[in-house]
Protein backbone atom coordinates (compact mmCIF):
# COMPACT_ATOMS: atom_id res chain seq x y z
CA UNK A 1 23.69 6.13 -21.26
CA UNK A 2 22.22 7.55 -18.04
CA UNK A 3 18.49 7.61 -17.56
CA UNK A 4 16.74 10.94 -17.21
CA UNK A 5 15.12 11.81 -13.92
CA UNK A 6 11.35 11.86 -14.17
CA UNK A 7 9.24 14.07 -11.92
CA UNK A 8 7.23 12.01 -9.46
CA UNK A 9 4.08 13.17 -7.69
CA UNK A 10 4.14 12.50 -3.96
CA UNK A 11 0.69 12.49 -2.34
CA UNK A 12 0.31 13.27 1.34
CA UNK A 13 -3.15 12.59 2.71
CA UNK A 14 -4.69 14.89 5.30
CA UNK A 15 -3.88 14.01 8.86
CA UNK A 16 -6.52 11.92 10.59
CA UNK A 17 -5.82 11.74 14.32
CA UNK A 18 -2.36 13.17 13.61
CA UNK A 19 -1.43 10.45 11.09
CA UNK A 20 -0.65 11.38 7.47
CA UNK A 21 -0.25 8.78 4.72
CA UNK A 22 2.45 9.23 2.06
CA UNK A 23 1.92 7.73 -1.43
CA UNK A 24 3.70 7.67 -4.79
CA UNK A 25 1.64 6.48 -7.77
CA UNK A 26 -1.00 5.01 -5.42
CA UNK A 27 1.67 2.94 -3.63
CA UNK A 28 1.64 3.60 0.11
CA UNK A 29 5.16 4.39 1.33
CA UNK A 30 4.18 4.65 4.97
CA UNK A 31 2.67 6.97 7.54
CA UNK A 32 3.88 9.95 9.52
CA UNK A 33 2.44 10.43 12.99
CA UNK A 34 2.58 13.89 14.53
CA UNK A 35 2.08 14.06 18.28
CA UNK A 36 2.92 17.00 20.53
CA UNK A 37 6.57 17.65 19.66
CA UNK A 38 7.58 14.31 18.09
CA UNK A 39 7.35 13.06 14.53
CA UNK A 40 7.26 9.28 14.09
CA UNK A 41 7.70 7.59 10.71
CA UNK A 42 5.84 4.28 10.35
CA UNK A 43 7.10 2.07 7.50
CA UNK A 44 4.86 -0.51 5.76
CA UNK A 45 6.52 -3.36 7.69
CA UNK A 46 5.45 -1.57 10.93
CA UNK A 47 8.90 -0.57 12.19
CA UNK A 48 9.06 3.00 13.43
CA UNK A 49 11.70 5.73 13.44
CA UNK A 50 11.67 9.22 14.92
CA UNK A 51 12.29 12.15 12.56
CA UNK A 52 13.38 15.71 13.40
CA UNK A 53 10.55 17.24 11.33
CA UNK A 54 7.77 16.35 8.88
CA UNK A 55 9.85 16.99 5.74
CA UNK A 56 12.64 14.76 7.01
CA UNK A 57 10.07 12.02 7.64
CA UNK A 58 8.79 12.26 4.07
CA UNK A 59 12.39 12.13 2.81
CA UNK A 60 13.04 9.00 4.87
CA UNK A 61 10.00 7.25 3.38
CA UNK A 62 11.01 8.21 -0.17
CA UNK A 63 14.59 7.03 0.42
CA UNK A 64 13.33 3.66 1.67
CA UNK A 65 11.01 3.36 -1.35
CA UNK A 66 13.83 4.18 -3.79
CA UNK A 67 16.12 1.68 -2.10
CA UNK A 68 13.72 -1.23 -2.60
CA UNK A 69 12.09 -0.37 -5.94
């Protein structure tokens, strides 16, 4: 029997020095750094990836979280 999808609250903290923190249930997924025209996603293990926009960066962090949890 398939499990039902539960709604999950994603928290995005206000940007401090252009860095926003993304959390689910008080678990930090990573950070998104906005500078000039680039968006950089910073994962908890400190590897970085460039994203086309902020929403794509959040999606990348959530995908990584879902893959490992």
